[in-house]
Amino acid sequence: MENVRIYQNEIENEKREIFEAFRALLLEYNGKYNLTTITEEKDMLYKHFLDSAIGESFFKENARVAEIGSGAGFPSIVLKILRPDLSFDLFESVGKKCEFLQVVVDKLGFSKMHIYNLRAETCAKDKNFRERYDHATARAVARMNTLCEYCLPFVKVGGTFIAYKSGDQTEIKEAETAYKILGGKLENVIGYSLPENYGERTLAVVKKVKGTPPKYPRGQGKERKDPL
């Protein structure tokens, strides 16, 4: 993707100060909260910051976004730095990670960013969250068929689920049954290379073409134990 260089420039130059502030918080809290094993500056730049930034153009202006399994805030924090117009609800089941995310939101002065220490499969049944979002997104959470069951119920018809995946696109093709059952249709698959041989990655964009049946997500771990 040609815009890899554009995002790299934005992270290293135009918005360097705020990215440095985020990186400092990540390193400060990493020992206590076990947020990431990637701590070297260059590794973090490419593997976390740049990789998260690549999906930015797939989020429409002023969109409401649900991030499932936020962890240390990838891609949401990176996207928020690049796109202040986006509104995020972050769903993370681990309390300590939610504490860290709240610190980041407060310290960096983000607005329109809310953190929920709740499981996605529970929230997706709640009328306040179900099919309320223009986009859902997730990175390094689960295989694609499982991930779709967590994420697509949050997306309104006409919106998209944007999944950050590895360079192996096999699981994206294997999830065709899940897309169909959950009201989605695979719209785009974009492969790209991180600079300096830092690896191959893929973005998968799933369009929500009809409502998700009420029984999904199934809960009680069935999304992982018995994927669609």
C-alpha atoms as a PDB file:
ATOM      1  CA  MET A   1       0.000   0.000   0.000  1.00  0.00           C
ATOM      2  CA  GLU A   2       1.434   3.338  -1.061  1.00  0.00           C
ATOM      3  CA  ASN A   3       0.026   5.156   1.964  1.00  0.00           C
ATOM      4  CA  VAL A   4       2.241   3.180   4.354  1.00  0.00           C
ATOM      5  CA  ARG A   5       4.862   5.900   3.860  1.00  0.00           C
ATOM      6  CA  ILE A   6       2.265   8.629   4.414  1.00  0.00           C
ATOM      7  CA  TYR A   7       1.243   7.215   7.776  1.00  0.00           C
ATOM      8  CA  GLN A   8       4.844   6.650   8.771  1.00  0.00           C
ATOM      9  CA  ASN A   9       5.558  10.320   8.090  1.00  0.00           C
ATOM     10  CA  GLU A  10       2.544  11.400  10.134  1.00  0.00           C
ATOM     11  CA  ILE A  11       3.589   9.279  13.107  1.00  0.00           C
ATOM     12  CA  GLU A  12       7.266  10.240  12.986  1.00  0.00           C
ATOM     13  CA  ASN A  13       6.846  13.909  12.126  1.00  0.00           C
ATOM     14  CA  GLU A  14       3.437  15.601  12.028  1.00  0.00           C
ATOM     15  CA  LYS A  15       2.039  13.976  15.171  1.00  0.00           C
ATOM     16  CA  ARG A  16       5.285  12.805  16.721  1.00  0.00           C
ATOM     17  CA  GLU A  17       4.714  14.567  20.055  1.00  0.00           C
ATOM     18  CA  ILE A  18       1.420  12.874  20.861  1.00  0.00           C
ATOM     19  CA  PHE A  19       2.672   9.480  19.689  1.00  0.00           C
ATOM     20  CA  GLU A  20       5.702   9.900  21.932  1.00  0.00           C
ATOM     21  CA  ALA A  21       3.382  10.709  24.839  1.00  0.00           C
ATOM     22  CA  PHE A  22       1.375   7.563  24.159  1.00  0.00           C
ATOM     23  CA  ARG A  23       4.521   5.439  23.894  1.00  0.00           C
ATOM     24  CA  ALA A  24       5.809   6.846  27.197  1.00  0.00           C
ATOM     25  CA  LEU A  25       2.555   5.909  28.954  1.00  0.00           C
ATOM     26  CA  LEU A  26       2.652   2.444  27.422  1.00  0.00           C
ATOM     27  CA  LEU A  27       6.185   1.857  28.694  1.00  0.00           C
ATOM     28  CA  GLU A  28       5.410   3.350  32.110  1.00  0.00           C
ATOM     29  CA  TYR A  29       2.411   1.101  32.738  1.00  0.00           C
ATOM     30  CA  ASN A  30       3.574  -2.000  30.872  1.00  0.00           C
ATOM     31  CA  GLY A  31       5.297  -3.643  33.826  1.00  0.00           C
ATOM     32  CA  LYS A  32       2.249  -3.300  36.035  1.00  0.00           C
ATOM     33  CA  TYR A  33      -0.438  -4.146  33.493  1.00  0.00           C
ATOM     34  CA  ASN A  34       1.372  -6.524  31.086  1.00  0.00           C
ATOM     35  CA  LEU A  35       0.221  -4.613  28.013  1.00  0.00           C
ATOM     36  CA  THR A  36       2.706  -5.612  25.318  1.00  0.00           C
ATOM     37  CA  THR A  37       5.886  -7.613  24.738  1.00  0.00           C
ATOM     38  CA  ILE A  38       6.904  -5.125  22.045  1.00  0.00           C
ATOM     39  CA  THR A  39       8.831  -2.373  23.806  1.00  0.00           C
ATOM     40  CA  GLU A  40      11.704  -1.331  21.517  1.00  0.00           C
ATOM     41  CA  GLU A  41      11.022   2.025  19.853  1.00  0.00           C
ATOM     42  CA  LYS A  42      11.365   0.870  16.252  1.00  0.00           C
ATOM     43  CA  ASP A  43       9.421  -2.337  16.847  1.00  0.00           C
ATOM     44  CA  MET A  44       6.586  -0.385  18.417  1.00  0.00           C
ATOM     45  CA  LEU A  45       6.600   2.164  15.603  1.00  0.00           C
ATOM     46  CA  TYR A  46       6.124  -0.451  12.895  1.00  0.00           C
ATOM     47  CA  LYS A  47       4.330  -3.333  14.598  1.00  0.00           C
ATOM     48  CA  HIS A  48       1.863  -1.308  16.673  1.00  0.00           C
ATOM     49  CA  PHE A  49       1.623   2.315  15.537  1.00  0.00           C
ATOM     50  CA  LEU A  50       2.044   1.988  11.791  1.00  0.00           C
ATOM     51  CA  ASP A  51       0.078  -1.239  11.531  1.00  0.00           C
ATOM     52  CA  SER A  52      -2.838   0.334  13.433  1.00  0.00           C
ATOM     53  CA  ALA A  53      -2.735   3.473  11.279  1.00  0.00           C
ATOM     54  CA  ILE A  54      -3.104   1.640   7.968  1.00  0.00           C
ATOM     55  CA  GLY A  55      -6.866   1.143   8.362  1.00  0.00           C
ATOM     56  CA  GLU A  56      -7.602   4.844   8.926  1.00  0.00           C
ATOM     57  CA  SER A  57      -9.086   5.529   5.487  1.00  0.00           C
ATOM     58  CA  PHE A  58     -11.791   2.873   5.956  1.00  0.00           C
ATOM     59  CA  PHE A  59     -13.478   4.794   8.771  1.00  0.00           C
ATOM     60  CA  LYS A  60     -15.967   7.384   7.548  1.00  0.00           C
ATOM     61  CA  GLU A  61     -15.967  10.948   8.869  1.00  0.00           C
ATOM     62  CA  ASN A  62     -17.443  11.423  12.363  1.00  0.00           C
ATOM     63  CA  ALA A  63     -18.115   7.696  12.622  1.00  0.00           C
ATOM     64  CA  ARG A  64     -19.113   5.937  15.819  1.00  0.00           C
ATOM     65  CA  VAL A  65     -16.741   2.993  16.325  1.00  0.00           C
ATOM     66  CA  ALA A  66     -16.816  -0.030  18.640  1.00  0.00           C
ATOM     67  CA  GLU A  67     -13.458  -1.632  19.366  1.00  0.00           C
ATOM     68  CA  ILE A  68     -13.648  -5.184  20.654  1.00  0.00           C
ATOM     69  CA  GLY A  69     -10.855  -6.473  22.897  1.00  0.00           C
ATOM     70  CA  SER A  70      -9.021  -3.135  23.113  1.00  0.00           C
ATOM     71  CA  GLY A  71      -6.014  -4.378  25.074  1.00  0.00           C
ATOM     72  CA  ALA A  72      -3.406  -1.607  25.061  1.00  0.00           C
ATOM     73  CA  GLY A  73      -5.396   0.496  22.601  1.00  0.00           C
ATOM     74  CA  PHE A  74      -4.450  -0.805  19.166  1.00  0.00           C
ATOM     75  CA  PRO A  75      -5.792   0.298  16.781  1.00  0.00           C
ATOM     76  CA  SER A  76      -8.156   2.678  18.628  1.00  0.00           C
ATOM     77  CA  ILE A  77      -5.671   5.051  20.300  1.00  0.00           C
ATOM     78  CA  VAL A  78      -3.605   5.348  17.123  1.00  0.00           C
ATOM     79  CA  LEU A  79      -6.719   6.013  15.048  1.00  0.00           C
ATOM     80  CA  LYS A  80      -7.929   8.603  17.550  1.00  0.00           C
ATOM     81  CA  ILE A  81      -4.617  10.460  17.329  1.00  0.00           C
ATOM     82  CA  LEU A  82      -4.875  10.517  13.548  1.00  0.00           C
ATOM     83  CA  ARG A  83      -8.632  11.088  13.420  1.00  0.00           C
ATOM     84  CA  PRO A  84      -9.998  13.179  16.315  1.00  0.00           C
ATOM     85  CA  ASP A  85     -13.401  13.216  14.580  1.00  0.00           C
ATOM     86  CA  LEU A  86     -13.955   9.524  15.357  1.00  0.00           C
ATOM     87  CA  SER A  87     -15.990   8.541  18.411  1.00  0.00           C
ATOM     88  CA  PHE A  88     -14.911   5.311  20.140  1.00  0.00           C
ATOM     89  CA  ASP A  89     -16.443   2.880  22.604  1.00  0.00           C
ATOM     90  CA  LEU A  90     -13.750   0.469  23.793  1.00  0.00           C
ATOM     91  CA  PHE A  91     -14.857  -2.938  25.111  1.00  0.00           C
ATOM     92  CA  GLU A  92     -12.225  -4.742  27.187  1.00  0.00           C
ATOM     93  CA  SER A  93     -12.856  -7.546  29.681  1.00  0.00           C
ATOM     94  CA  VAL A  94      -9.587  -7.143  31.641  1.00  0.00           C
ATOM     95  CA  GLY A  95      -9.893  -4.497  34.335  1.00  0.00           C
ATOM     96  CA  LYS A  96      -6.219  -3.489  34.459  1.00  0.00           C
ATOM     97  CA  LYS A  97      -6.175  -2.831  30.741  1.00  0.00           C
ATOM     98  CA  CYS A  98      -9.267  -0.654  31.128  1.00  0.00           C
ATOM     99  CA  GLU A  99      -7.457   1.300  33.859  1.00  0.00           C
ATOM    100  CA  PHE A 100      -4.561   1.906  31.472  1.00  0.00           C
ATOM    101  CA  LEU A 101      -6.858   2.958  28.641  1.00  0.00           C
ATOM    102  CA  GLN A 102      -8.567   5.454  30.934  1.00  0.00           C
ATOM    103  CA  VAL A 103      -5.188   6.905  31.905  1.00  0.00           C
ATOM    104  CA  VAL A 104      -4.353   7.376  28.220  1.00  0.00           C
ATOM    105  CA  VAL A 105      -7.695   9.016  27.456  1.00  0.00           C
ATOM    106  CA  ASP A 106      -7.324  11.377  30.427  1.00  0.00           C
ATOM    107  CA  LYS A 107      -3.635  12.215  29.951  1.00  0.00           C
ATOM    108  CA  LEU A 108      -3.910  12.804  26.207  1.00  0.00           C
ATOM    109  CA  GLY A 109      -7.150  14.744  26.569  1.00  0.00           C
ATOM    110  CA  PHE A 110      -9.290  12.661  24.216  1.00  0.00           C
ATOM    111  CA  SER A 111     -12.998  13.396  23.935  1.00  0.00           C
ATOM    112  CA  LYS A 112     -15.693  11.084  22.550  1.00  0.00           C
ATOM    113  CA  MET A 113     -13.887   8.017  23.849  1.00  0.00           C
ATOM    114  CA  HIS A 114     -15.519   5.700  26.394  1.00  0.00           C
ATOM    115  CA  ILE A 115     -14.165   2.547  28.016  1.00  0.00           C
ATOM    116  CA  TYR A 116     -16.317  -0.376  29.124  1.00  0.00           C
ATOM    117  CA  ASN A 117     -14.936  -3.123  31.347  1.00  0.00           C
ATOM    118  CA  LEU A 118     -17.378  -5.633  29.886  1.00  0.00           C
ATOM    119  CA  ARG A 119     -17.340  -8.694  27.670  1.00  0.00           C
ATOM    120  CA  ALA A 120     -18.289  -8.125  24.040  1.00  0.00           C
ATOM    121  CA  GLU A 121     -20.730 -11.040  23.962  1.00  0.00           C
ATOM    122  CA  THR A 122     -22.686  -9.433  26.815  1.00  0.00           C
ATOM    123  CA  CYS A 123     -22.688  -5.902  25.399  1.00  0.00           C
ATOM    124  CA  ALA A 124     -23.698  -7.093  21.945  1.00  0.00           C
ATOM    125  CA  LYS A 125     -27.045  -8.190  23.410  1.00  0.00           C
ATOM    126  CA  ASP A 126     -27.651  -4.760  24.966  1.00  0.00           C
ATOM    127  CA  LYS A 127     -29.951  -2.496  22.934  1.00  0.00           C
ATOM    128  CA  ASN A 128     -27.708   0.463  23.797  1.00  0.00           C
ATOM    129  CA  PHE A 129     -24.856  -1.123  21.851  1.00  0.00           C
ATOM    130  CA  ARG A 130     -26.333  -3.642  19.442  1.00  0.00           C
ATOM    131  CA  GLU A 131     -26.275  -2.467  15.824  1.00  0.00           C
ATOM    132  CA  ARG A 132     -25.527   1.114  16.938  1.00  0.00           C
ATOM    133  CA  TYR A 133     -22.124   1.605  15.297  1.00  0.00           C
ATOM    134  CA  ASP A 134     -20.912   2.706  11.891  1.00  0.00           C
ATOM    135  CA  HIS A 135     -17.881   0.463  12.330  1.00  0.00           C
ATOM    136  CA  ALA A 136     -16.517  -2.214  14.628  1.00  0.00           C
ATOM    137  CA  THR A 137     -12.829  -3.040  14.709  1.00  0.00           C
ATOM    138  CA  ALA A 138     -10.478  -5.502  16.386  1.00  0.00           C
ATOM    139  CA  ARG A 139      -6.829  -6.448  16.211  1.00  0.00           C
ATOM    140  CA  ALA A 140      -5.173  -9.673  17.411  1.00  0.00           C
ATOM    141  CA  VAL A 141      -8.206 -10.922  19.343  1.00  0.00           C
ATOM    142  CA  ALA A 142      -9.359 -14.200  17.732  1.00  0.00           C
ATOM    143  CA  ARG A 143      -9.672 -16.055  14.450  1.00  0.00           C
ATOM    144  CA  MET A 144     -11.904 -14.398  11.897  1.00  0.00           C
ATOM    145  CA  ASN A 145     -14.974 -16.624  12.264  1.00  0.00           C
ATOM    146  CA  THR A 146     -14.975 -16.138  16.043  1.00  0.00           C
ATOM    147  CA  LEU A 147     -14.192 -12.450  15.709  1.00  0.00           C
ATOM    148  CA  CYS A 148     -17.147 -11.859  13.397  1.00  0.00           C
ATOM    149  CA  GLU A 149     -19.538 -13.238  15.994  1.00  0.00           C
ATOM    150  CA  TYR A 150     -18.124 -10.839  18.573  1.00  0.00           C
ATOM    151  CA  CYS A 151     -18.051  -7.789  16.293  1.00  0.00           C
ATOM    152  CA  LEU A 152     -20.768  -7.846  13.630  1.00  0.00           C
ATOM    153  CA  PRO A 153     -23.666  -7.604  16.139  1.00  0.00           C
ATOM    154  CA  PHE A 154     -22.388  -4.122  17.074  1.00  0.00           C
ATOM    155  CA  VAL A 155     -22.497  -2.838  13.487  1.00  0.00           C
ATOM    156  CA  LYS A 156     -25.580  -1.186  12.011  1.00  0.00           C
ATOM    157  CA  VAL A 157     -26.805  -2.309   8.599  1.00  0.00           C
ATOM    158  CA  GLY A 158     -24.729  -0.447   6.024  1.00  0.00           C
ATOM    159  CA  GLY A 159     -21.719  -0.210   8.330  1.00  0.00           C
ATOM    160  CA  THR A 160     -18.532  -2.265   8.326  1.00  0.00           C
ATOM    161  CA  PHE A 161     -16.411  -4.487  10.508  1.00  0.00           C
ATOM    162  CA  ILE A 162     -12.709  -3.735   9.931  1.00  0.00           C
ATOM    163  CA  ALA A 163     -10.431  -6.560  11.073  1.00  0.00           C
ATOM    164  CA  TYR A 164      -6.659  -6.287  11.428  1.00  0.00           C
ATOM    165  CA  LYS A 165      -5.149  -9.674  10.639  1.00  0.00           C
ATOM    166  CA  SER A 166      -1.810 -11.325   9.871  1.00  0.00           C
ATOM    167  CA  GLY A 167      -0.487 -11.866   6.368  1.00  0.00           C
ATOM    168  CA  ASP A 168      -2.047 -15.339   6.204  1.00  0.00           C
ATOM    169  CA  GLN A 169      -5.448 -14.769   4.608  1.00  0.00           C
ATOM    170  CA  THR A 170      -6.648 -18.358   5.003  1.00  0.00           C
ATOM    171  CA  GLU A 171      -8.851 -17.627   8.019  1.00  0.00           C
ATOM    172  CA  ILE A 172     -10.540 -14.743   6.179  1.00  0.00           C
ATOM    173  CA  LYS A 173     -11.694 -17.128   3.453  1.00  0.00           C
ATOM    174  CA  GLU A 174     -12.657 -19.766   6.024  1.00  0.00           C
ATOM    175  CA  ALA A 175     -15.080 -17.336   7.691  1.00  0.00           C
ATOM    176  CA  GLU A 176     -17.489 -17.154   4.729  1.00  0.00           C
ATOM    177  CA  THR A 177     -20.156 -19.092   6.642  1.00  0.00           C
ATOM    178  CA  ALA A 178     -19.848 -16.722   9.597  1.00  0.00           C
ATOM    179  CA  TYR A 179     -20.268 -13.643   7.391  1.00  0.00           C
ATOM    180  CA  LYS A 180     -23.441 -15.035   5.856  1.00  0.00           C
ATOM    181  CA  ILE A 181     -25.032 -16.157   9.124  1.00  0.00           C
ATOM    182  CA  LEU A 182     -24.267 -12.909  10.930  1.00  0.00           C
ATOM    183  CA  GLY A 183     -25.521 -10.575   8.200  1.00  0.00           C
ATOM    184  CA  GLY A 184     -22.176  -9.655   6.698  1.00  0.00           C
ATOM    185  CA  LYS A 185     -20.504  -9.816   3.308  1.00  0.00           C
ATOM    186  CA  LEU A 186     -16.770  -9.719   2.720  1.00  0.00           C
ATOM    187  CA  GLU A 187     -16.232  -6.450   0.850  1.00  0.00           C
ATOM    188  CA  ASN A 188     -12.472  -6.010   0.672  1.00  0.00           C
ATOM    189  CA  VAL A 189      -9.232  -7.773   1.580  1.00  0.00           C
ATOM    190  CA  ILE A 190      -6.110  -5.604   1.539  1.00  0.00           C
ATOM    191  CA  GLY A 191      -2.668  -7.094   1.980  1.00  0.00           C
ATOM    192  CA  TYR A 192       0.296  -4.876   2.806  1.00  0.00           C
ATOM    193  CA  SER A 193       3.895  -5.046   3.962  1.00  0.00           C
ATOM    194  CA  LEU A 194       5.326  -3.209   6.940  1.00  0.00           C
ATOM    195  CA  PRO A 195       8.657  -1.466   6.209  1.00  0.00           C
ATOM    196  CA  GLU A 196      12.068  -3.065   6.656  1.00  0.00           C
ATOM    197  CA  ASN A 197      10.768  -6.634   6.586  1.00  0.00           C
ATOM    198  CA  TYR A 198       8.609  -6.169   9.650  1.00  0.00           C
ATOM    199  CA  GLY A 199       6.040  -8.539   8.232  1.00  0.00           C
ATOM    200  CA  GLU A 200       2.990  -8.998   6.059  1.00  0.00           C
ATOM    201  CA  ARG A 201      -0.428  -7.868   7.271  1.00  0.00           C
ATOM    202  CA  THR A 202      -4.024  -7.877   6.059  1.00  0.00           C
ATOM    203  CA  LEU A 203      -7.080  -5.704   6.523  1.00  0.00           C
ATOM    204  CA  ALA A 204     -10.432  -7.416   6.014  1.00  0.00           C
ATOM    205  CA  VAL A 205     -13.505  -5.230   5.549  1.00  0.00           C
ATOM    206  CA  VAL A 206     -16.881  -6.909   6.106  1.00  0.00           C
ATOM    207  CA  LYS A 207     -20.008  -4.997   5.090  1.00  0.00           C
ATOM    208  CA  LYS A 208     -23.138  -5.387   7.232  1.00  0.00           C
ATOM    209  CA  VAL A 209     -25.866  -6.101   4.662  1.00  0.00           C
ATOM    210  CA  LYS A 210     -28.648  -7.294   6.987  1.00  0.00           C
ATOM    211  CA  GLY A 211     -29.417  -7.544  10.685  1.00  0.00           C
ATOM    212  CA  THR A 212     -27.669 -10.132  12.836  1.00  0.00           C
ATOM    213  CA  PRO A 213     -30.085 -12.808  14.136  1.00  0.00           C
ATOM    214  CA  PRO A 214     -30.930 -12.241  17.843  1.00  0.00           C
ATOM    215  CA  LYS A 215     -29.277 -15.481  19.018  1.00  0.00           C
ATOM    216  CA  TYR A 216     -25.801 -14.150  18.160  1.00  0.00           C
ATOM    217  CA  PRO A 217     -23.371 -13.854  19.820  1.00  0.00           C
ATOM    218  CA  ARG A 218     -24.137 -17.124  21.566  1.00  0.00           C
ATOM    219  CA  GLY A 219     -22.055 -16.487  24.705  1.00  0.00           C
ATOM    220  CA  GLN A 220     -20.651 -18.983  27.229  1.00  0.00           C
ATOM    221  CA  GLY A 221     -17.508 -19.297  25.113  1.00  0.00           C
ATOM    222  CA  LYS A 222     -19.282 -20.912  22.176  1.00  0.00           C
ATOM    223  CA  GLU A 223     -17.817 -18.323  19.790  1.00  0.00           C
ATOM    224  CA  ARG A 224     -14.361 -19.838  20.386  1.00  0.00           C
ATOM    225  CA  LYS A 225     -15.254 -23.450  21.203  1.00  0.00           C
ATOM    226  CA  ASP A 226     -17.609 -23.953  18.280  1.00  0.00           C
ATOM    227  CA  PRO A 227     -16.957 -21.192  15.700  1.00  0.00           C
ATOM    228  CA  LEU A 228     -19.422 -20.655  12.870  1.00  0.00           C
END
